[in-house]
Amino acid sequence: MASKKVTITLDESLVEAMSTVAQEAGVPLSRLIARAAERELRLRAGRVAVQEWQEEHGAFTPEELAAARAEMAAADAEYLAGGGSVAA
């Protein structure tokens, strides 16, 4: 994958916090920030997919939303119990 060097401006406290997290994770700060940007793009794509689905099929029912929340909570609990690592 090709990389491009860019300049961004971030709040100093955010940079310090992100630098600490990057050091703890053993990754360069730029990689940590790239992962955050990639996550934002995936979230946006997911929101678009949900919106398109609801436009075609109608809004989710309260029962469907509750089931989805329960599945997400179970996935979060499993992720956290495993130390936060995911197979990629």
PDB file of N, CA and C in Angstrom:
ATOM      1  N   MET A   1       0.854  -1.176   0.000  1.00  0.00           N
ATOM      2  CA  MET A   1       0.000   0.000   0.000  1.00  0.00           C
ATOM      3  C   MET A   1       0.896   1.234   0.000  1.00  0.00           C
ATOM      4  N   ALA A   2       0.600   2.150  -0.876  1.00  0.00           N
ATOM      5  CA  ALA A   2       1.353   3.394  -0.952  1.00  0.00           C
ATOM      6  C   ALA A   2       0.982   4.305   0.205  1.00  0.00           C
ATOM      7  N   SER A   3       1.960   5.060   0.659  1.00  0.00           N
ATOM      8  CA  SER A   3       1.731   6.007   1.745  1.00  0.00           C
ATOM      9  C   SER A   3       1.991   7.411   1.247  1.00  0.00           C
ATOM     10  N   LYS A   4       1.320   8.359   1.867  1.00  0.00           N
ATOM     11  CA  LYS A   4       1.521   9.762   1.550  1.00  0.00           C
ATOM     12  C   LYS A   4       1.693  10.519   2.854  1.00  0.00           C
ATOM     13  N   LYS A   5       2.729  11.310   2.925  1.00  0.00           N
ATOM     14  CA  LYS A   5       2.988  12.107   4.118  1.00  0.00           C
ATOM     15  C   LYS A   5       2.102  13.351   4.062  1.00  0.00           C
ATOM     16  N   VAL A   6       1.381  13.610   5.175  1.00  0.00           N
ATOM     17  CA  VAL A   6       0.507  14.778   5.270  1.00  0.00           C
ATOM     18  C   VAL A   6       0.778  15.494   6.585  1.00  0.00           C
ATOM     19  N   THR A   7       0.346  16.715   6.661  1.00  0.00           N
ATOM     20  CA  THR A   7       0.465  17.489   7.891  1.00  0.00           C
ATOM     21  C   THR A   7      -0.932  17.741   8.425  1.00  0.00           C
ATOM     22  N   ILE A   8      -1.129  17.424   9.708  1.00  0.00           N
ATOM     23  CA  ILE A   8      -2.414  17.680  10.356  1.00  0.00           C
ATOM     24  C   ILE A   8      -2.158  18.420  11.662  1.00  0.00           C
ATOM     25  N   THR A   9      -3.180  19.099  12.139  1.00  0.00           N
ATOM     26  CA  THR A   9      -3.073  19.816  13.407  1.00  0.00           C
ATOM     27  C   THR A   9      -4.029  19.167  14.399  1.00  0.00           C
ATOM     28  N   LEU A  10      -3.480  18.776  15.550  1.00  0.00           N
ATOM     29  CA  LEU A  10      -4.269  18.144  16.602  1.00  0.00           C
ATOM     30  C   LEU A  10      -3.998  18.853  17.921  1.00  0.00           C
ATOM     31  N   ASP A  11      -4.962  18.786  18.810  1.00  0.00           N
ATOM     32  CA  ASP A  11      -4.786  19.328  20.148  1.00  0.00           C
ATOM     33  C   ASP A  11      -3.606  18.628  20.815  1.00  0.00           C
ATOM     34  N   GLU A  12      -2.777  19.388  21.492  1.00  0.00           N
ATOM     35  CA  GLU A  12      -1.563  18.846  22.108  1.00  0.00           C
ATOM     36  C   GLU A  12      -1.858  17.693  23.062  1.00  0.00           C
ATOM     37  N   SER A  13      -2.904  17.820  23.859  1.00  0.00           N
ATOM     38  CA  SER A  13      -3.228  16.751  24.810  1.00  0.00           C
ATOM     39  C   SER A  13      -3.652  15.474  24.081  1.00  0.00           C
ATOM     40  N   LEU A  14      -4.303  15.618  22.940  1.00  0.00           N
ATOM     41  CA  LEU A  14      -4.685  14.451  22.149  1.00  0.00           C
ATOM     42  C   LEU A  14      -3.445  13.761  21.595  1.00  0.00           C
ATOM     43  N   VAL A  15      -2.501  14.533  21.103  1.00  0.00           N
ATOM     44  CA  VAL A  15      -1.258  13.958  20.582  1.00  0.00           C
ATOM     45  C   VAL A  15      -0.520  13.209  21.686  1.00  0.00           C
ATOM     46  N   GLU A  16      -0.451  13.803  22.861  1.00  0.00           N
ATOM     47  CA  GLU A  16       0.231  13.145  23.981  1.00  0.00           C
ATOM     48  C   GLU A  16      -0.458  11.832  24.347  1.00  0.00           C
ATOM     49  N   ALA A  17      -1.768  11.854  24.424  1.00  0.00           N
ATOM     50  CA  ALA A  17      -2.514  10.639  24.771  1.00  0.00           C
ATOM     51  C   ALA A  17      -2.346   9.574  23.689  1.00  0.00           C
ATOM     52  N   MET A  18      -2.452   9.965  22.442  1.00  0.00           N
ATOM     53  CA  MET A  18      -2.300   9.021  21.333  1.00  0.00           C
ATOM     54  C   MET A  18      -0.874   8.472  21.280  1.00  0.00           C
ATOM     55  N   SER A  19       0.107   9.299  21.571  1.00  0.00           N
ATOM     56  CA  SER A  19       1.504   8.843  21.590  1.00  0.00           C
ATOM     57  C   SER A  19       1.710   7.779  22.661  1.00  0.00           C
ATOM     58  N   THR A  20       1.114   7.990  23.823  1.00  0.00           N
ATOM     59  CA  THR A  20       1.211   7.013  24.906  1.00  0.00           C
ATOM     60  C   THR A  20       0.578   5.695  24.490  1.00  0.00           C
ATOM     61  N   VAL A  21      -0.601   5.769  23.898  1.00  0.00           N
ATOM     62  CA  VAL A  21      -1.295   4.556  23.451  1.00  0.00           C
ATOM     63  C   VAL A  21      -0.474   3.842  22.381  1.00  0.00           C
ATOM     64  N   ALA A  22       0.093   4.594  21.455  1.00  0.00           N
ATOM     65  CA  ALA A  22       0.901   3.996  20.389  1.00  0.00           C
ATOM     66  C   ALA A  22       2.121   3.282  20.972  1.00  0.00           C
ATOM     67  N   GLN A  23       2.779   3.928  21.927  1.00  0.00           N
ATOM     68  CA  GLN A  23       3.941   3.305  22.568  1.00  0.00           C
ATOM     69  C   GLN A  23       3.536   2.021  23.288  1.00  0.00           C
ATOM     70  N   GLU A  24       2.434   2.069  24.014  1.00  0.00           N
ATOM     71  CA  GLU A  24       1.961   0.880  24.734  1.00  0.00           C
ATOM     72  C   GLU A  24       1.607  -0.250  23.775  1.00  0.00           C
ATOM     73  N   ALA A  25       1.074   0.105  22.607  1.00  0.00           N
ATOM     74  CA  ALA A  25       0.688  -0.893  21.610  1.00  0.00           C
ATOM     75  C   ALA A  25       1.870  -1.331  20.748  1.00  0.00           C
ATOM     76  N   GLY A  26       2.966  -0.604  20.848  1.00  0.00           N
ATOM     77  CA  GLY A  26       4.148  -0.950  20.057  1.00  0.00           C
ATOM     78  C   GLY A  26       4.001  -0.644  18.581  1.00  0.00           C
ATOM     79  N   VAL A  27       3.235   0.408  18.275  1.00  0.00           N
ATOM     80  CA  VAL A  27       3.054   0.809  16.878  1.00  0.00           C
ATOM     81  C   VAL A  27       3.417   2.282  16.727  1.00  0.00           C
ATOM     82  N   PRO A  28       3.805   2.684  15.523  1.00  0.00           N
ATOM     83  CA  PRO A  28       4.076   4.104  15.306  1.00  0.00           C
ATOM     84  C   PRO A  28       2.795   4.931  15.470  1.00  0.00           C
ATOM     85  N   LEU A  29       2.956   6.161  15.912  1.00  0.00           N
ATOM     86  CA  LEU A  29       1.816   7.063  16.076  1.00  0.00           C
ATOM     87  C   LEU A  29       1.043   7.204  14.764  1.00  0.00           C
ATOM     88  N   SER A  30       1.747   7.301  13.662  1.00  0.00           N
ATOM     89  CA  SER A  30       1.065   7.463  12.372  1.00  0.00           C
ATOM     90  C   SER A  30       0.169   6.269  12.073  1.00  0.00           C
ATOM     91  N   ARG A  31       0.591   5.062  12.454  1.00  0.00           N
ATOM     92  CA  ARG A  31      -0.234   3.869  12.216  1.00  0.00           C
ATOM     93  C   ARG A  31      -1.486   3.893  13.086  1.00  0.00           C
ATOM     94  N   LEU A  32      -1.312   4.320  14.343  1.00  0.00           N
ATOM     95  CA  LEU A  32      -2.459   4.407  15.244  1.00  0.00           C
ATOM     96  C   LEU A  32      -3.492   5.394  14.699  1.00  0.00           C
ATOM     97  N   ILE A  33      -3.033   6.533  14.222  1.00  0.00           N
ATOM     98  CA  ILE A  33      -3.943   7.539  13.667  1.00  0.00           C
ATOM     99  C   ILE A  33      -4.572   7.032  12.372  1.00  0.00           C
ATOM    100  N   ALA A  34      -3.802   6.320  11.550  1.00  0.00           N
ATOM    101  CA  ALA A  34      -4.356   5.748  10.318  1.00  0.00           C
ATOM    102  C   ALA A  34      -5.468   4.750  10.650  1.00  0.00           C
ATOM    103  N   ARG A  35      -5.249   3.928  11.688  1.00  0.00           N
ATOM    104  CA  ARG A  35      -6.286   2.969  12.094  1.00  0.00           C
ATOM    105  C   ARG A  35      -7.558   3.690  12.541  1.00  0.00           C
ATOM    106  N   ALA A  36      -7.394   4.802  13.252  1.00  0.00           N
ATOM    107  CA  ALA A  36      -8.566   5.568  13.689  1.00  0.00           C
ATOM    108  C   ALA A  36      -9.317   6.129  12.479  1.00  0.00           C
ATOM    109  N   ALA A  37      -8.577   6.601  11.487  1.00  0.00           N
ATOM    110  CA  ALA A  37      -9.211   7.123  10.273  1.00  0.00           C
ATOM    111  C   ALA A  37      -9.923   6.006   9.513  1.00  0.00           C
ATOM    112  N   GLU A  38      -9.289   4.837   9.431  1.00  0.00           N
ATOM    113  CA  GLU A  38      -9.919   3.695   8.761  1.00  0.00           C
ATOM    114  C   GLU A  38     -11.198   3.287   9.474  1.00  0.00           C
ATOM    115  N   ARG A  39     -11.168   3.300  10.797  1.00  0.00           N
ATOM    116  CA  ARG A  39     -12.362   2.955  11.574  1.00  0.00           C
ATOM    117  C   ARG A  39     -13.499   3.932  11.279  1.00  0.00           C
ATOM    118  N   GLU A  40     -13.185   5.218  11.212  1.00  0.00           N
ATOM    119  CA  GLU A  40     -14.203   6.219  10.896  1.00  0.00           C
ATOM    120  C   GLU A  40     -14.820   5.956   9.528  1.00  0.00           C
ATOM    121  N   LEU A  41     -13.994   5.605   8.552  1.00  0.00           N
ATOM    122  CA  LEU A  41     -14.522   5.312   7.213  1.00  0.00           C
ATOM    123  C   LEU A  41     -15.428   4.086   7.232  1.00  0.00           C
ATOM    124  N   ARG A  42     -15.049   3.046   8.006  1.00  0.00           N
ATOM    125  CA  ARG A  42     -15.912   1.855   8.107  1.00  0.00           C
ATOM    126  C   ARG A  42     -17.235   2.196   8.782  1.00  0.00           C
ATOM    127  N   LEU A  43     -17.194   3.028   9.827  1.00  0.00           N
ATOM    128  CA  LEU A  43     -18.417   3.436  10.510  1.00  0.00           C
ATOM    129  C   LEU A  43     -19.339   4.206   9.559  1.00  0.00           C
ATOM    130  N   ARG A  44     -18.765   5.102   8.788  1.00  0.00           N
ATOM    131  CA  ARG A  44     -19.569   5.864   7.832  1.00  0.00           C
ATOM    132  C   ARG A  44     -20.206   4.952   6.793  1.00  0.00           C
ATOM    133  N   ALA A  45     -19.439   3.989   6.293  1.00  0.00           N
ATOM    134  CA  ALA A  45     -19.979   3.043   5.308  1.00  0.00           C
ATOM    135  C   ALA A  45     -21.101   2.223   5.922  1.00  0.00           C
ATOM    136  N   GLY A  46     -20.941   1.831   7.181  1.00  0.00           N
ATOM    137  CA  GLY A  46     -21.985   1.079   7.866  1.00  0.00           C
ATOM    138  C   GLY A  46     -23.257   1.880   8.039  1.00  0.00           C
ATOM    139  N   ARG A  47     -23.104   3.169   8.381  1.00  0.00           N
ATOM    140  CA  ARG A  47     -24.289   4.024   8.532  1.00  0.00           C
ATOM    141  C   ARG A  47     -25.025   4.186   7.206  1.00  0.00           C
ATOM    142  N   VAL A  48     -24.272   4.312   6.130  1.00  0.00           N
ATOM    143  CA  VAL A  48     -24.897   4.427   4.809  1.00  0.00           C
ATOM    144  C   VAL A  48     -25.652   3.144   4.482  1.00  0.00           C
ATOM    145  N   ALA A  49     -25.039   1.985   4.762  1.00  0.00           N
ATOM    146  CA  ALA A  49     -25.693   0.704   4.481  1.00  0.00           C
ATOM    147  C   ALA A  49     -26.981   0.550   5.283  1.00  0.00           C
ATOM    148  N   VAL A  50     -26.951   0.935   6.553  1.00  0.00           N
ATOM    149  CA  VAL A  50     -28.149   0.848   7.395  1.00  0.00           C
ATOM    150  C   VAL A  50     -29.235   1.775   6.855  1.00  0.00           C
ATOM    151  N   GLN A  51     -28.852   2.990   6.493  1.00  0.00           N
ATOM    152  CA  GLN A  51     -29.823   3.949   5.962  1.00  0.00           C
ATOM    153  C   GLN A  51     -30.458   3.421   4.678  1.00  0.00           C
ATOM    154  N   GLU A  52     -29.641   2.876   3.791  1.00  0.00           N
ATOM    155  CA  GLU A  52     -30.181   2.337   2.532  1.00  0.00           C
ATOM    156  C   GLU A  52     -31.119   1.164   2.802  1.00  0.00           C
ATOM    157  N   TRP A  53     -30.749   0.289   3.746  1.00  0.00           N
ATOM    158  CA  TRP A  53     -31.586  -0.857   4.068  1.00  0.00           C
ATOM    159  C   TRP A  53     -32.929  -0.387   4.610  1.00  0.00           C
ATOM    160  N   GLN A  54     -32.888   0.605   5.513  1.00  0.00           N
ATOM    161  CA  GLN A  54     -34.135   1.091   6.098  1.00  0.00           C
ATOM    162  C   GLN A  54     -34.999   1.812   5.066  1.00  0.00           C
ATOM    163  N   GLU A  55     -34.384   2.483   4.123  1.00  0.00           N
ATOM    164  CA  GLU A  55     -35.175   3.131   3.071  1.00  0.00           C
ATOM    165  C   GLU A  55     -35.922   2.103   2.231  1.00  0.00           C
ATOM    166  N   GLU A  56     -35.314   0.931   2.055  1.00  0.00           N
ATOM    167  CA  GLU A  56     -35.937  -0.117   1.250  1.00  0.00           C
ATOM    168  C   GLU A  56     -36.909  -0.977   2.055  1.00  0.00           C
ATOM    169  N   HIS A  57     -36.590  -1.243   3.328  1.00  0.00           N
ATOM    170  CA  HIS A  57     -37.353  -2.206   4.119  1.00  0.00           C
ATOM    171  C   HIS A  57     -38.123  -1.599   5.284  1.00  0.00           C
ATOM    172  N   GLY A  58     -37.910  -0.327   5.558  1.00  0.00           N
ATOM    173  CA  GLY A  58     -38.563   0.302   6.695  1.00  0.00           C
ATOM    174  C   GLY A  58     -37.653   0.339   7.906  1.00  0.00           C
ATOM    175  N   ALA A  59     -38.039   1.158   8.863  1.00  0.00           N
ATOM    176  CA  ALA A  59     -37.230   1.350  10.072  1.00  0.00           C
ATOM    177  C   ALA A  59     -37.179   0.068  10.895  1.00  0.00           C
ATOM    178  N   PHE A  60     -36.093  -0.102  11.633  1.00  0.00           N
ATOM    179  CA  PHE A  60     -35.967  -1.241  12.523  1.00  0.00           C
ATOM    180  C   PHE A  60     -37.000  -1.132  13.630  1.00  0.00           C
ATOM    181  N   THR A  61     -37.529  -2.277  14.036  1.00  0.00           N
ATOM    182  CA  THR A  61     -38.488  -2.312  15.141  1.00  0.00           C
ATOM    183  C   THR A  61     -37.720  -2.224  16.461  1.00  0.00           C
ATOM    184  N   PRO A  62     -38.417  -1.868  17.544  1.00  0.00           N
ATOM    185  CA  PRO A  62     -37.751  -1.875  18.855  1.00  0.00           C
ATOM    186  C   PRO A  62     -37.157  -3.245  19.202  1.00  0.00           C
ATOM    187  N   GLU A  63     -37.822  -4.311  18.802  1.00  0.00           N
ATOM    188  CA  GLU A  63     -37.323  -5.663  19.067  1.00  0.00           C
ATOM    189  C   GLU A  63     -36.035  -5.930  18.292  1.00  0.00           C
ATOM    190  N   GLU A  64     -35.998  -5.511  17.031  1.00  0.00           N
ATOM    191  CA  GLU A  64     -34.789  -5.696  16.230  1.00  0.00           C
ATOM    192  C   GLU A  64     -33.622  -4.890  16.803  1.00  0.00           C
ATOM    193  N   LEU A  65     -33.903  -3.670  17.239  1.00  0.00           N
ATOM    194  CA  LEU A  65     -32.861  -2.842  17.838  1.00  0.00           C
ATOM    195  C   LEU A  65     -32.349  -3.465  19.135  1.00  0.00           C
ATOM    196  N   ALA A  66     -33.248  -3.997  19.956  1.00  0.00           N
ATOM    197  CA  ALA A  66     -32.842  -4.633  21.217  1.00  0.00           C
ATOM    198  C   ALA A  66     -31.977  -5.862  20.941  1.00  0.00           C
ATOM    199  N   ALA A  67     -32.350  -6.650  19.954  1.00  0.00           N
ATOM    200  CA  ALA A  67     -31.564  -7.838  19.610  1.00  0.00           C
ATOM    201  C   ALA A  67     -30.176  -7.442  19.105  1.00  0.00           C
ATOM    202  N   ALA A  68     -30.109  -6.405  18.301  1.00  0.00           N
ATOM    203  CA  ALA A  68     -28.816  -5.939  17.789  1.00  0.00           C
ATOM    204  C   ALA A  68     -27.943  -5.428  18.927  1.00  0.00           C
ATOM    205  N   ARG A  69     -28.546  -4.673  19.844  1.00  0.00           N
ATOM    206  CA  ARG A  69     -27.780  -4.169  21.000  1.00  0.00           C
ATOM    207  C   ARG A  69     -27.249  -5.321  21.848  1.00  0.00           C
ATOM    208  N   ALA A  70     -28.055  -6.356  22.036  1.00  0.00           N
ATOM    209  CA  ALA A  70     -27.627  -7.513  22.824  1.00  0.00           C
ATOM    210  C   ALA A  70     -26.466  -8.233  22.130  1.00  0.00           C
ATOM    211  N   GLU A  71     -26.535  -8.374  20.815  1.00  0.00           N
ATOM    212  CA  GLU A  71     -25.446  -9.006  20.077  1.00  0.00           C
ATOM    213  C   GLU A  71     -24.168  -8.180  20.172  1.00  0.00           C
ATOM    214  N   MET A  72     -24.300  -6.857  20.070  1.00  0.00           N
ATOM    215  CA  MET A  72     -23.124  -5.998  20.170  1.00  0.00           C
ATOM    216  C   MET A  72     -22.520  -6.064  21.567  1.00  0.00           C
ATOM    217  N   ALA A  73     -23.352  -6.098  22.600  1.00  0.00           N
ATOM    218  CA  ALA A  73     -22.855  -6.189  23.965  1.00  0.00           C
ATOM    219  C   ALA A  73     -22.116  -7.511  24.174  1.00  0.00           C
ATOM    220  N   ALA A  74     -22.649  -8.597  23.630  1.00  0.00           N
ATOM    221  CA  ALA A  74     -21.991  -9.899  23.750  1.00  0.00           C
ATOM    222  C   ALA A  74     -20.655  -9.893  23.010  1.00  0.00           C
ATOM    223  N   ALA A  75     -20.617  -9.293  21.839  1.00  0.00           N
ATOM    224  CA  ALA A  75     -19.367  -9.207  21.079  1.00  0.00           C
ATOM    225  C   ALA A  75     -18.346  -8.350  21.813  1.00  0.00           C
ATOM    226  N   ASP A  76     -18.791  -7.248  22.402  1.00  0.00           N
ATOM    227  CA  ASP A  76     -17.890  -6.397  23.183  1.00  0.00           C
ATOM    228  C   ASP A  76     -17.324  -7.170  24.368  1.00  0.00           C
ATOM    229  N   ALA A  77     -18.183  -7.902  25.074  1.00  0.00           N
ATOM    230  CA  ALA A  77     -17.736  -8.663  26.243  1.00  0.00           C
ATOM    231  C   ALA A  77     -16.712  -9.722  25.830  1.00  0.00           C
ATOM    232  N   GLU A  78     -16.956 -10.398  24.724  1.00  0.00           N
ATOM    233  CA  GLU A  78     -16.022 -11.407  24.226  1.00  0.00           C
ATOM    234  C   GLU A  78     -14.694 -10.759  23.837  1.00  0.00           C
ATOM    235  N   TYR A  79     -14.754  -9.633  23.175  1.00  0.00           N
ATOM    236  CA  TYR A  79     -13.550  -8.909  22.748  1.00  0.00           C
ATOM    237  C   TYR A  79     -12.737  -8.481  23.965  1.00  0.00           C
ATOM    238  N   LEU A  80     -13.400  -7.918  24.955  1.00  0.00           N
ATOM    239  CA  LEU A  80     -12.704  -7.436  26.151  1.00  0.00           C
ATOM    240  C   LEU A  80     -12.153  -8.586  26.979  1.00  0.00           C
ATOM    241  N   ALA A  81     -12.849  -9.713  27.033  1.00  0.00           N
ATOM    242  CA  ALA A  81     -12.382 -10.862  27.778  1.00  0.00           C
ATOM    243  C   ALA A  81     -11.136 -11.466  27.138  1.00  0.00           C
ATOM    244  N   GLY A  82     -11.020 -11.288  25.825  1.00  0.00           N
ATOM    245  CA  GLY A  82      -9.859 -11.832  25.112  1.00  0.00           C
ATOM    246  C   GLY A  82      -8.685 -10.885  25.089  1.00  0.00           C
ATOM    247  N   GLY A  83      -8.735  -9.817  25.855  1.00  0.00           N
ATOM    248  CA  GLY A  83      -7.627  -8.881  25.908  1.00  0.00           C
ATOM    249  C   GLY A  83      -7.647  -7.836  24.811  1.00  0.00           C
ATOM    250  N   GLY A  84      -8.753  -7.786  24.068  1.00  0.00           N
ATOM    251  CA  GLY A  84      -8.882  -6.738  23.061  1.00  0.00           C
ATOM    252  C   GLY A  84      -8.216  -7.040  21.750  1.00  0.00           C
ATOM    253  N   SER A  85      -7.782  -8.282  21.531  1.00  0.00           N
ATOM    254  CA  SER A  85      -7.152  -8.585  20.249  1.00  0.00           C
ATOM    255  C   SER A  85      -8.167  -9.221  19.320  1.00  0.00           C
ATOM    256  N   VAL A  86      -8.003  -8.899  18.039  1.00  0.00           N
ATOM    257  CA  VAL A  86      -8.900  -9.454  17.034  1.00  0.00           C
ATOM    258  C   VAL A  86      -8.070 -10.117  15.959  1.00  0.00           C
ATOM    259  N   ALA A  87      -8.588 -11.198  15.415  1.00  0.00           N
ATOM    260  CA  ALA A  87      -7.918 -11.835  14.287  1.00  0.00           C
ATOM    261  C   ALA A  87      -8.187 -11.006  13.047  1.00  0.00           C
ATOM    262  N   ALA A  88      -7.153 -10.743  12.289  1.00  0.00           N
ATOM    263  CA  ALA A  88      -7.324  -9.917  11.100  1.00  0.00           C
ATOM    264  C   ALA A  88      -7.043 -10.659   9.846  1.00  0.00           C
TER     265      ALA A  88
END
